[in-house]
Full PDB file with SEQRES, HELIX, SHEET, SSBOND, CRYST1, ORIGX, SCALE, CONECT and MASTER records, all heavy atoms in Angstrom:
SEQRES   1 A   41  ALA GLY THR PHE LEU GLY ALA GLU ASN PHE THR SER LEU          
SEQRES   2 A   41  ALA ALA CYS ALA VAL ALA LEU ARG GLU HIS ALA MET ASN          
SEQRES   3 A   41  GLU ALA ALA GLU VAL LEU GLU ARG GLN ALA ALA ARG THR          
SEQRES   4 A   41  ALA ALA                                                      
HELIX    1 AA1 GLY A    2  LEU A    5  1                                   4    
HELIX    2 AA2 LEU A   13  GLU A   22  1                                  10    
HELIX    3 AA3 ASN A   26  ALA A   40  1                                  15    
CRYST1    1.000    1.000    1.000  90.00  90.00  90.00 P 1           1          
ORIGX1      1.000000  0.000000  0.000000        0.00000                         
ORIGX2      0.000000  1.000000  0.000000        0.00000                         
ORIGX3      0.000000  0.000000  1.000000        0.00000                         
SCALE1      1.000000  0.000000  0.000000        0.00000                         
SCALE2      0.000000  1.000000  0.000000        0.00000                         
SCALE3      0.000000  0.000000  1.000000        0.00000                         
ATOM      1  N   ALA A   1      -3.102  16.509  12.381  1.00  0.00           N  
ATOM      2  CA  ALA A   1      -3.067  16.171  10.934  1.00  0.00           C  
ATOM      3  C   ALA A   1      -1.703  15.688  10.487  1.00  0.00           C  
ATOM      4  O   ALA A   1      -1.617  14.702   9.773  1.00  0.00           O  
ATOM      5  CB  ALA A   1      -3.336  17.484  10.191  1.00  0.00           C  
ATOM      6  N   GLY A   2      -0.675  16.190  11.124  1.00  0.00           N  
ATOM      7  CA  GLY A   2       0.727  15.752  10.781  1.00  0.00           C  
ATOM      8  C   GLY A   2       0.839  14.295  11.245  1.00  0.00           C  
ATOM      9  O   GLY A   2       1.657  13.532  10.515  1.00  0.00           O  
ATOM     10  N   THR A   3       0.383  13.783  12.294  1.00  0.00           N  
ATOM     11  CA  THR A   3       0.423  12.441  12.735  1.00  0.00           C  
ATOM     12  C   THR A   3      -0.138  11.542  11.764  1.00  0.00           C  
ATOM     13  O   THR A   3       0.191  10.375  11.466  1.00  0.00           O  
ATOM     14  CB  THR A   3      -0.164  12.066  14.148  1.00  0.00           C  
ATOM     15  OG1 THR A   3      -1.560  12.538  14.172  1.00  0.00           O  
ATOM     16  CG2 THR A   3       0.662  12.975  15.177  1.00  0.00           C  
ATOM     17  N   PHE A   4      -1.363  11.934  11.126  1.00  0.00           N  
ATOM     18  CA  PHE A   4      -2.088  11.101  10.219  1.00  0.00           C  
ATOM     19  C   PHE A   4      -1.467  11.174   8.884  1.00  0.00           C  
ATOM     20  O   PHE A   4      -1.410  10.162   8.035  1.00  0.00           O  
ATOM     21  CB  PHE A   4      -3.600  11.663  10.067  1.00  0.00           C  
ATOM     22  CG  PHE A   4      -4.355  11.219  11.175  1.00  0.00           C  
ATOM     23  CD1 PHE A   4      -5.082  12.245  11.980  1.00  0.00           C  
ATOM     24  CD2 PHE A   4      -4.617   9.906  11.525  1.00  0.00           C  
ATOM     25  CE1 PHE A   4      -5.752  11.846  13.073  1.00  0.00           C  
ATOM     26  CE2 PHE A   4      -5.304   9.482  12.583  1.00  0.00           C  
ATOM     27  CZ  PHE A   4      -5.912  10.371  13.387  1.00  0.00           C  
ATOM     28  N   LEU A   5      -0.961  12.364   8.446  1.00  0.00           N  
ATOM     29  CA  LEU A   5      -0.325  12.411   7.219  1.00  0.00           C  
ATOM     30  C   LEU A   5       1.034  11.796   7.108  1.00  0.00           C  
ATOM     31  O   LEU A   5       1.601  11.234   6.122  1.00  0.00           O  
ATOM     32  CB  LEU A   5      -0.180  13.794   6.717  1.00  0.00           C  
ATOM     33  CG  LEU A   5      -1.542  14.710   6.504  1.00  0.00           C  
ATOM     34  CD1 LEU A   5      -1.350  16.045   6.262  1.00  0.00           C  
ATOM     35  CD2 LEU A   5      -2.284  13.902   5.440  1.00  0.00           C  
ATOM     36  N   GLY A   6       1.744  11.687   8.274  1.00  0.00           N  
ATOM     37  CA  GLY A   6       3.088  10.944   8.335  1.00  0.00           C  
ATOM     38  C   GLY A   6       4.018  11.638   7.418  1.00  0.00           C  
ATOM     39  O   GLY A   6       4.126  12.796   7.278  1.00  0.00           O  
ATOM     40  N   ALA A   7       4.995  10.688   6.996  1.00  0.00           N  
ATOM     41  CA  ALA A   7       6.105  11.231   6.103  1.00  0.00           C  
ATOM     42  C   ALA A   7       5.644  10.777   4.613  1.00  0.00           C  
ATOM     43  O   ALA A   7       6.768  10.751   3.878  1.00  0.00           O  
ATOM     44  CB  ALA A   7       7.263  10.536   6.642  1.00  0.00           C  
ATOM     45  N   GLU A   8       4.562  10.700   4.268  1.00  0.00           N  
ATOM     46  CA  GLU A   8       4.248  10.372   2.893  1.00  0.00           C  
ATOM     47  C   GLU A   8       4.660  11.509   1.935  1.00  0.00           C  
ATOM     48  O   GLU A   8       4.733  12.726   2.318  1.00  0.00           O  
ATOM     49  CB  GLU A   8       2.757  10.179   2.623  1.00  0.00           C  
ATOM     50  CG  GLU A   8       2.256   8.718   3.166  1.00  0.00           C  
ATOM     51  CD  GLU A   8       0.832   8.455   2.628  1.00  0.00           C  
ATOM     52  OE1 GLU A   8       0.484   8.587   1.543  1.00  0.00           O  
ATOM     53  OE2 GLU A   8       0.142   8.236   3.598  1.00  0.00           O  
ATOM     54  N   ASN A   9       5.049  11.190   0.609  1.00  0.00           N  
ATOM     55  CA  ASN A   9       5.165  12.258  -0.334  1.00  0.00           C  
ATOM     56  C   ASN A   9       4.077  12.595  -1.078  1.00  0.00           C  
ATOM     57  O   ASN A   9       3.629  11.914  -2.052  1.00  0.00           O  
ATOM     58  CB  ASN A   9       6.368  11.741  -1.198  1.00  0.00           C  
ATOM     59  CG  ASN A   9       7.801  11.665  -0.587  1.00  0.00           C  
ATOM     60  OD1 ASN A   9       7.993  12.578   0.353  1.00  0.00           O  
ATOM     61  ND2 ASN A   9       8.575  10.667  -1.031  1.00  0.00           N  
ATOM     62  N   PHE A  10       3.395  13.581  -0.646  1.00  0.00           N  
ATOM     63  CA  PHE A  10       2.182  14.004  -1.441  1.00  0.00           C  
ATOM     64  C   PHE A  10       2.493  14.862  -2.503  1.00  0.00           C  
ATOM     65  O   PHE A  10       3.491  15.677  -2.465  1.00  0.00           O  
ATOM     66  CB  PHE A  10       1.163  14.746  -0.305  1.00  0.00           C  
ATOM     67  CG  PHE A  10       0.667  13.907   0.743  1.00  0.00           C  
ATOM     68  CD1 PHE A  10       1.204  13.933   1.915  1.00  0.00           C  
ATOM     69  CD2 PHE A  10      -0.501  13.083   0.368  1.00  0.00           C  
ATOM     70  CE1 PHE A  10       0.631  13.014   2.949  1.00  0.00           C  
ATOM     71  CE2 PHE A  10      -1.026  12.254   1.430  1.00  0.00           C  
ATOM     72  CZ  PHE A  10      -0.410  12.313   2.617  1.00  0.00           C  
ATOM     73  N   THR A  11       1.636  14.962  -3.501  1.00  0.00           N  
ATOM     74  CA  THR A  11       1.893  15.677  -4.745  1.00  0.00           C  
ATOM     75  C   THR A  11       1.208  16.967  -4.724  1.00  0.00           C  
ATOM     76  O   THR A  11       1.437  17.820  -5.579  1.00  0.00           O  
ATOM     77  CB  THR A  11       1.563  14.892  -5.954  1.00  0.00           C  
ATOM     78  OG1 THR A  11       0.151  14.491  -5.871  1.00  0.00           O  
ATOM     79  CG2 THR A  11       2.483  13.634  -6.048  1.00  0.00           C  
ATOM     80  N   SER A  12       0.227  17.097  -3.964  1.00  0.00           N  
ATOM     81  CA  SER A  12      -0.613  18.410  -3.842  1.00  0.00           C  
ATOM     82  C   SER A  12      -1.261  18.579  -2.618  1.00  0.00           C  
ATOM     83  O   SER A  12      -1.333  17.538  -1.771  1.00  0.00           O  
ATOM     84  CB  SER A  12      -1.655  18.318  -4.926  1.00  0.00           C  
ATOM     85  OG  SER A  12      -2.597  17.367  -4.724  1.00  0.00           O  
ATOM     86  N   LEU A  13      -1.802  19.691  -2.210  1.00  0.00           N  
ATOM     87  CA  LEU A  13      -2.745  19.920  -1.177  1.00  0.00           C  
ATOM     88  C   LEU A  13      -3.975  19.041  -1.195  1.00  0.00           C  
ATOM     89  O   LEU A  13      -4.418  18.579  -0.271  1.00  0.00           O  
ATOM     90  CB  LEU A  13      -3.076  21.498  -1.038  1.00  0.00           C  
ATOM     91  CG  LEU A  13      -2.126  22.404  -0.497  1.00  0.00           C  
ATOM     92  CD1 LEU A  13      -2.639  23.756  -0.439  1.00  0.00           C  
ATOM     93  CD2 LEU A  13      -1.485  21.954   0.883  1.00  0.00           C  
ATOM     94  N   ALA A  14      -4.419  18.955  -2.413  1.00  0.00           N  
ATOM     95  CA  ALA A  14      -5.696  18.139  -2.627  1.00  0.00           C  
ATOM     96  C   ALA A  14      -5.426  16.747  -2.075  1.00  0.00           C  
ATOM     97  O   ALA A  14      -6.326  16.082  -1.495  1.00  0.00           O  
ATOM     98  CB  ALA A  14      -6.097  18.225  -3.988  1.00  0.00           C  
ATOM     99  N   ALA A  15      -4.229  16.131  -2.499  1.00  0.00           N  
ATOM    100  CA  ALA A  15      -3.847  14.827  -1.993  1.00  0.00           C  
ATOM    101  C   ALA A  15      -3.830  14.681  -0.510  1.00  0.00           C  
ATOM    102  O   ALA A  15      -4.313  13.685   0.046  1.00  0.00           O  
ATOM    103  CB  ALA A  15      -2.666  14.308  -2.630  1.00  0.00           C  
ATOM    104  N   CYS A  16      -3.260  15.716   0.097  1.00  0.00           N  
ATOM    105  CA  CYS A  16      -3.304  15.704   1.530  1.00  0.00           C  
ATOM    106  C   CYS A  16      -4.741  15.810   2.069  1.00  0.00           C  
ATOM    107  O   CYS A  16      -4.968  15.107   3.120  1.00  0.00           O  
ATOM    108  CB  CYS A  16      -2.462  17.031   2.181  1.00  0.00           C  
ATOM    109  SG  CYS A  16      -0.710  16.979   1.846  1.00  0.00           S  
ATOM    110  N   ALA A  17      -5.621  16.688   1.609  1.00  0.00           N  
ATOM    111  CA  ALA A  17      -6.862  16.608   1.987  1.00  0.00           C  
ATOM    112  C   ALA A  17      -7.656  15.353   1.785  1.00  0.00           C  
ATOM    113  O   ALA A  17      -8.402  14.909   2.693  1.00  0.00           O  
ATOM    114  CB  ALA A  17      -7.781  17.713   1.125  1.00  0.00           C  
ATOM    115  N   VAL A  18      -7.402  14.568   0.772  1.00  0.00           N  
ATOM    116  CA  VAL A  18      -8.036  13.154   0.595  1.00  0.00           C  
ATOM    117  C   VAL A  18      -7.542  12.414   1.739  1.00  0.00           C  
ATOM    118  O   VAL A  18      -8.395  11.595   2.344  1.00  0.00           O  
ATOM    119  CB  VAL A  18      -7.640  12.614  -0.725  1.00  0.00           C  
ATOM    120  CG1 VAL A  18      -7.967  11.139  -0.775  1.00  0.00           C  
ATOM    121  CG2 VAL A  18      -8.293  13.455  -1.928  1.00  0.00           C  
ATOM    122  N   ALA A  19      -6.340  12.374   2.051  1.00  0.00           N  
ATOM    123  CA  ALA A  19      -5.745  11.556   3.156  1.00  0.00           C  
ATOM    124  C   ALA A  19      -6.350  11.922   4.516  1.00  0.00           C  
ATOM    125  O   ALA A  19      -6.699  11.055   5.278  1.00  0.00           O  
ATOM    126  CB  ALA A  19      -4.276  11.759   3.195  1.00  0.00           C  
ATOM    127  N   LEU A  20      -6.575  13.318   4.714  1.00  0.00           N  
ATOM    128  CA  LEU A  20      -7.208  13.662   5.996  1.00  0.00           C  
ATOM    129  C   LEU A  20      -8.676  13.301   6.080  1.00  0.00           C  
ATOM    130  O   LEU A  20      -9.193  12.873   7.085  1.00  0.00           O  
ATOM    131  CB  LEU A  20      -7.112  15.112   6.209  1.00  0.00           C  
ATOM    132  CG  LEU A  20      -5.677  15.642   6.429  1.00  0.00           C  
ATOM    133  CD1 LEU A  20      -5.598  17.174   6.422  1.00  0.00           C  
ATOM    134  CD2 LEU A  20      -5.087  15.080   7.673  1.00  0.00           C  
ATOM    135  N   ARG A  21      -9.400  13.297   4.997  1.00  0.00           N  
ATOM    136  CA  ARG A  21     -10.742  12.660   4.907  1.00  0.00           C  
ATOM    137  C   ARG A  21     -10.827  11.346   5.170  1.00  0.00           C  
ATOM    138  O   ARG A  21     -11.818  10.840   5.950  1.00  0.00           O  
ATOM    139  CB  ARG A  21     -11.483  12.997   3.574  1.00  0.00           C  
ATOM    140  CG  ARG A  21     -11.760  14.519   3.278  1.00  0.00           C  
ATOM    141  CD  ARG A  21     -13.112  14.658   2.823  1.00  0.00           C  
ATOM    142  NE  ARG A  21     -13.308  16.120   2.600  1.00  0.00           N  
ATOM    143  CZ  ARG A  21     -14.015  16.951   3.459  1.00  0.00           C  
ATOM    144  NH1 ARG A  21     -14.488  16.446   4.486  1.00  0.00           N  
ATOM    145  NH2 ARG A  21     -14.182  18.229   3.041  1.00  0.00           N  
ATOM    146  N   GLU A  22      -9.879  10.485   4.837  1.00  0.00           N  
ATOM    147  CA  GLU A  22      -9.879   9.077   5.017  1.00  0.00           C  
ATOM    148  C   GLU A  22      -9.721   8.801   6.605  1.00  0.00           C  
ATOM    149  O   GLU A  22     -10.078   7.842   7.106  1.00  0.00           O  
ATOM    150  CB  GLU A  22      -8.651   8.419   4.361  1.00  0.00           C  
ATOM    151  CG  GLU A  22      -8.921   8.289   2.904  1.00  0.00           C  
ATOM    152  CD  GLU A  22      -7.703   7.869   2.106  1.00  0.00           C  
ATOM    153  OE1 GLU A  22      -6.671   7.656   2.769  1.00  0.00           O  
ATOM    154  OE2 GLU A  22      -7.829   7.691   0.951  1.00  0.00           O  
ATOM    155  N   HIS A  23      -9.121   9.870   7.219  1.00  0.00           N  
ATOM    156  CA  HIS A  23      -8.988   9.749   8.835  1.00  0.00           C  
ATOM    157  C   HIS A  23     -10.085  10.514   9.471  1.00  0.00           C  
ATOM    158  O   HIS A  23     -10.016  10.776  10.735  1.00  0.00           O  
ATOM    159  CB  HIS A  23      -7.618  10.177   9.212  1.00  0.00           C  
ATOM    160  CG  HIS A  23      -6.513   9.278   8.709  1.00  0.00           C  
ATOM    161  ND1 HIS A  23      -6.239   8.105   9.185  1.00  0.00           N  
ATOM    162  CD2 HIS A  23      -5.585   9.520   7.712  1.00  0.00           C  
ATOM    163  CE1 HIS A  23      -5.202   7.527   8.600  1.00  0.00           C  
ATOM    164  NE2 HIS A  23      -4.875   8.391   7.714  1.00  0.00           N  
ATOM    165  N   ALA A  24     -11.061  10.876   8.877  1.00  0.00           N  
ATOM    166  CA  ALA A  24     -12.192  11.727   9.305  1.00  0.00           C  
ATOM    167  C   ALA A  24     -11.904  12.923  10.043  1.00  0.00           C  
ATOM    168  O   ALA A  24     -12.499  13.634  10.793  1.00  0.00           O  
ATOM    169  CB  ALA A  24     -13.053  10.781  10.377  1.00  0.00           C  
ATOM    170  N   MET A  25     -10.760  13.537   9.414  1.00  0.00           N  
ATOM    171  CA  MET A  25     -10.305  14.944   9.771  1.00  0.00           C  
ATOM    172  C   MET A  25     -10.983  15.916   8.877  1.00  0.00           C  
ATOM    173  O   MET A  25     -10.278  16.628   8.051  1.00  0.00           O  
ATOM    174  CB  MET A  25      -8.892  15.020   9.854  1.00  0.00           C  
ATOM    175  CG  MET A  25      -8.261  14.173  10.970  1.00  0.00           C  
ATOM    176  SD  MET A  25      -6.612  14.777  11.365  1.00  0.00           S  
ATOM    177  CE  MET A  25      -6.792  16.406  11.942  1.00  0.00           C  
ATOM    178  N   ASN A  26     -12.311  15.993   8.892  1.00  0.00           N  
ATOM    179  CA  ASN A  26     -12.955  16.854   7.897  1.00  0.00           C  
ATOM    180  C   ASN A  26     -12.642  18.309   7.877  1.00  0.00           C  
ATOM    181  O   ASN A  26     -12.489  18.964   6.855  1.00  0.00           O  
ATOM    182  CB  ASN A  26     -14.579  16.577   7.958  1.00  0.00           C  
ATOM    183  CG  ASN A  26     -14.777  15.164   7.560  1.00  0.00           C  
ATOM    184  OD1 ASN A  26     -14.149  14.514   6.664  1.00  0.00           O  
ATOM    185  ND2 ASN A  26     -15.680  14.512   8.174  1.00  0.00           N  
ATOM    186  N   GLU A  27     -12.492  18.856   9.122  1.00  0.00           N  
ATOM    187  CA  GLU A  27     -12.221  20.341   9.307  1.00  0.00           C  
ATOM    188  C   GLU A  27     -10.899  20.658   8.597  1.00  0.00           C  
ATOM    189  O   GLU A  27     -10.861  21.662   7.892  1.00  0.00           O  
ATOM    190  CB  GLU A  27     -12.206  20.730  10.757  1.00  0.00           C  
ATOM    191  CG  GLU A  27     -11.865  22.069  10.996  1.00  0.00           C  
ATOM    192  CD  GLU A  27     -11.824  22.489  12.470  1.00  0.00           C  
ATOM    193  OE1 GLU A  27     -12.054  21.722  13.412  1.00  0.00           O  
ATOM    194  OE2 GLU A  27     -11.431  23.572  12.691  1.00  0.00           O  
ATOM    195  N   ALA A  28      -9.958  19.869   8.899  1.00  0.00           N  
ATOM    196  CA  ALA A  28      -8.637  20.026   8.327  1.00  0.00           C  
ATOM    197  C   ALA A  28      -8.756  19.857   6.787  1.00  0.00           C  
ATOM    198  O   ALA A  28      -8.072  20.634   6.015  1.00  0.00           O  
ATOM    199  CB  ALA A  28      -7.536  19.027   8.912  1.00  0.00           C  
ATOM    200  N   ALA A  29      -9.398  18.786   6.265  1.00  0.00           N  
ATOM    201  CA  ALA A  29      -9.524  18.605   4.805  1.00  0.00           C  
ATOM    202  C   ALA A  29     -10.190  19.750   4.030  1.00  0.00           C  
ATOM    203  O   ALA A  29      -9.690  20.222   3.129  1.00  0.00           O  
ATOM    204  CB  ALA A  29     -10.369  17.244   4.543  1.00  0.00           C  
ATOM    205  N   GLU A  30     -11.167  20.339   4.824  1.00  0.00           N  
ATOM    206  CA  GLU A  30     -11.892  21.456   4.197  1.00  0.00           C  
ATOM    207  C   GLU A  30     -10.917  22.701   4.091  1.00  0.00           C  
ATOM    208  O   GLU A  30     -10.968  23.484   3.102  1.00  0.00           O  
ATOM    209  CB  GLU A  30     -13.133  21.918   5.020  1.00  0.00           C  
ATOM    210  CG  GLU A  30     -14.153  20.906   4.897  1.00  0.00           C  
ATOM    211  CD  GLU A  30     -15.433  21.138   5.830  1.00  0.00           C  
ATOM    212  OE1 GLU A  30     -15.307  22.312   6.536  1.00  0.00           O  
ATOM    213  OE2 GLU A  30     -16.175  20.318   6.011  1.00  0.00           O  
ATOM    214  N   VAL A  31     -10.062  22.910   5.046  1.00  0.00           N  
ATOM    215  CA  VAL A  31      -9.095  24.034   4.983  1.00  0.00           C  
ATOM    216  C   VAL A  31      -8.261  23.854   3.703  1.00  0.00           C  
ATOM    217  O   VAL A  31      -7.902  24.804   2.871  1.00  0.00           O  
ATOM    218  CB  VAL A  31      -8.239  24.213   6.183  1.00  0.00           C  
ATOM    219  CG1 VAL A  31      -7.094  25.117   6.054  1.00  0.00           C  
ATOM    220  CG2 VAL A  31      -9.164  24.609   7.439  1.00  0.00           C  
ATOM    221  N   LEU A  32      -7.647  22.568   3.633  1.00  0.00           N  
ATOM    222  CA  LEU A  32      -6.843  22.325   2.430  1.00  0.00           C  
ATOM    223  C   LEU A  32      -7.608  22.349   1.070  1.00  0.00           C  
ATOM    224  O   LEU A  32      -6.952  22.753   0.126  1.00  0.00           O  
ATOM    225  CB  LEU A  32      -6.072  20.933   2.653  1.00  0.00           C  
ATOM    226  CG  LEU A  32      -5.195  20.885   3.919  1.00  0.00           C  
ATOM    227  CD1 LEU A  32      -4.652  19.541   3.949  1.00  0.00           C  
ATOM    228  CD2 LEU A  32      -4.321  21.999   4.048  1.00  0.00           C  
ATOM    229  N   GLU A  33      -8.743  21.855   1.071  1.00  0.00           N  
ATOM    230  CA  GLU A  33      -9.548  21.855  -0.243  1.00  0.00           C  
ATOM    231  C   GLU A  33      -9.817  23.387  -0.623  1.00  0.00           C  
ATOM    232  O   GLU A  33      -9.740  23.603  -1.882  1.00  0.00           O  
ATOM    233  CB  GLU A  33     -10.833  21.146  -0.003  1.00  0.00           C  
ATOM    234  CG  GLU A  33     -10.605  19.750   0.137  1.00  0.00           C  
ATOM    235  CD  GLU A  33     -11.802  18.852   0.663  1.00  0.00           C  
ATOM    236  OE1 GLU A  33     -12.740  19.493   1.222  1.00  0.00           O  
ATOM    237  OE2 GLU A  33     -11.872  17.606   0.636  1.00  0.00           O  
ATOM    238  N   ARG A  34     -10.198  24.234   0.215  1.00  0.00           N  
ATOM    239  CA  ARG A  34     -10.387  25.682  -0.057  1.00  0.00           C  
ATOM    240  C   ARG A  34      -9.163  26.197  -0.652  1.00  0.00           C  
ATOM    241  O   ARG A  34      -9.128  27.049  -1.594  1.00  0.00           O  
ATOM    242  CB  ARG A  34     -10.850  26.448   1.192  1.00  0.00           C  
ATOM    243  CG  ARG A  34     -12.293  26.438   1.579  1.00  0.00           C  
ATOM    244  CD  ARG A  34     -12.635  27.356   2.532  1.00  0.00           C  
ATOM    245  NE  ARG A  34     -11.953  27.404   3.790  1.00  0.00           N  
ATOM    246  CZ  ARG A  34     -12.100  26.756   4.914  1.00  0.00           C  
ATOM    247  NH1 ARG A  34     -13.100  25.888   4.957  1.00  0.00           N  
ATOM    248  NH2 ARG A  34     -11.388  26.792   5.923  1.00  0.00           N  
ATOM    249  N   GLN A  35      -7.995  26.051   0.037  1.00  0.00           N  
ATOM    250  CA  GLN A  35      -6.757  26.583  -0.487  1.00  0.00           C  
ATOM    251  C   GLN A  35      -6.442  26.039  -1.929  1.00  0.00           C  
ATOM    252  O   GLN A  35      -5.926  26.758  -2.920  1.00  0.00           O  
ATOM    253  CB  GLN A  35      -5.546  26.340   0.430  1.00  0.00           C  
ATOM    254  CG  GLN A  35      -4.281  26.953   0.022  1.00  0.00           C  
ATOM    255  CD  GLN A  35      -4.411  28.487  -0.094  1.00  0.00           C  
ATOM    256  OE1 GLN A  35      -5.026  29.201   0.747  1.00  0.00           O  
ATOM    257  NE2 GLN A  35      -3.801  29.089  -1.225  1.00  0.00           N  
ATOM    258  N   ALA A  36      -6.629  24.692  -2.155  1.00  0.00           N  
ATOM    259  CA  ALA A  36      -6.312  24.096  -3.355  1.00  0.00           C  
ATOM    260  C   ALA A  36      -7.289  24.638  -4.496  1.00  0.00           C  
ATOM    261  O   ALA A  36      -6.800  24.920  -5.529  1.00  0.00           O  
ATOM    262  CB  ALA A  36      -6.491  22.508  -3.340  1.00  0.00           C  
ATOM    263  N   ALA A  37      -8.468  24.931  -4.100  1.00  0.00           N  
ATOM    264  CA  ALA A  37      -9.483  25.501  -5.101  1.00  0.00           C  
ATOM    265  C   ALA A  37      -8.968  27.025  -5.414  1.00  0.00           C  
ATOM    266  O   ALA A  37      -8.981  27.416  -6.563  1.00  0.00           O  
ATOM    267  CB  ALA A  37     -10.942  25.462  -4.481  1.00  0.00           C  
ATOM    268  N   ARG A  38      -8.585  27.669  -4.318  1.00  0.00           N  
ATOM    269  CA  ARG A  38      -8.106  29.012  -4.571  1.00  0.00           C  
ATOM    270  C   ARG A  38      -6.881  29.109  -5.496  1.00  0.00           C  
ATOM    271  O   ARG A  38      -6.724  29.864  -6.398  1.00  0.00           O  
ATOM    272  CB  ARG A  38      -7.766  29.764  -3.169  1.00  0.00           C  
ATOM    273  CG  ARG A  38      -7.250  31.088  -3.309  1.00  0.00           C  
ATOM    274  CD  ARG A  38      -6.989  31.734  -2.001  1.00  0.00           C  
ATOM    275  NE  ARG A  38      -6.541  33.126  -2.130  1.00  0.00           N  
ATOM    276  CZ  ARG A  38      -6.076  33.848  -1.203  1.00  0.00           C  
ATOM    277  NH1 ARG A  38      -6.133  33.387   0.010  1.00  0.00           N  
ATOM    278  NH2 ARG A  38      -5.597  34.991  -1.469  1.00  0.00           N  
ATOM    279  N   THR A  39      -5.924  28.094  -5.138  1.00  0.00           N  
ATOM    280  CA  THR A  39      -4.773  28.158  -6.068  1.00  0.00           C  
ATOM    281  C   THR A  39      -5.076  27.820  -7.348  1.00  0.00           C  
ATOM    282  O   THR A  39      -4.488  28.476  -8.417  1.00  0.00           O  
ATOM    283  CB  THR A  39      -3.734  27.123  -5.414  1.00  0.00           C  
ATOM    284  OG1 THR A  39      -3.448  27.346  -4.105  1.00  0.00           O  
ATOM    285  CG2 THR A  39      -2.527  26.918  -6.166  1.00  0.00           C  
ATOM    286  N   ALA A  40      -6.032  26.868  -7.609  1.00  0.00           N  
ATOM    287  CA  ALA A  40      -6.386  26.559  -9.066  1.00  0.00           C  
ATOM    288  C   ALA A  40      -6.972  27.684  -9.758  1.00  0.00           C  
ATOM    289  O   ALA A  40      -6.763  27.944 -10.930  1.00  0.00           O  
ATOM    290  CB  ALA A  40      -7.272  25.333  -8.978  1.00  0.00           C  
ATOM    291  N   ALA A  41      -7.802  28.473  -9.081  1.00  0.00           N  
ATOM    292  CA  ALA A  41      -8.488  29.672  -9.718  1.00  0.00           C  
ATOM    293  C   ALA A  41      -7.372  30.661  -9.943  1.00  0.00           C  
ATOM    294  O   ALA A  41      -7.481  31.338 -10.930  1.00  0.00           O  
ATOM    295  CB  ALA A  41      -9.557  30.203  -8.631  1.00  0.00           C  
TER     296      ALA A  41                                                      
MASTER        0    0    0    3    0    0    0    6  295    1    0    4          
END                                                                             
C-alpha cells in the first residue's frame, strides 16, 4: 500500500482508501474505510 500511496499528502484515512481502491487494493481500502467509519462514529 505504501508503494501505491507514495508521498502524497492525504487529508484523511478515507482519502487513502480511495487511492488504494484506484489501484485495486480493495482489502487494504476496506481496512481503512472501516477505521474511518469508526472514527466518524
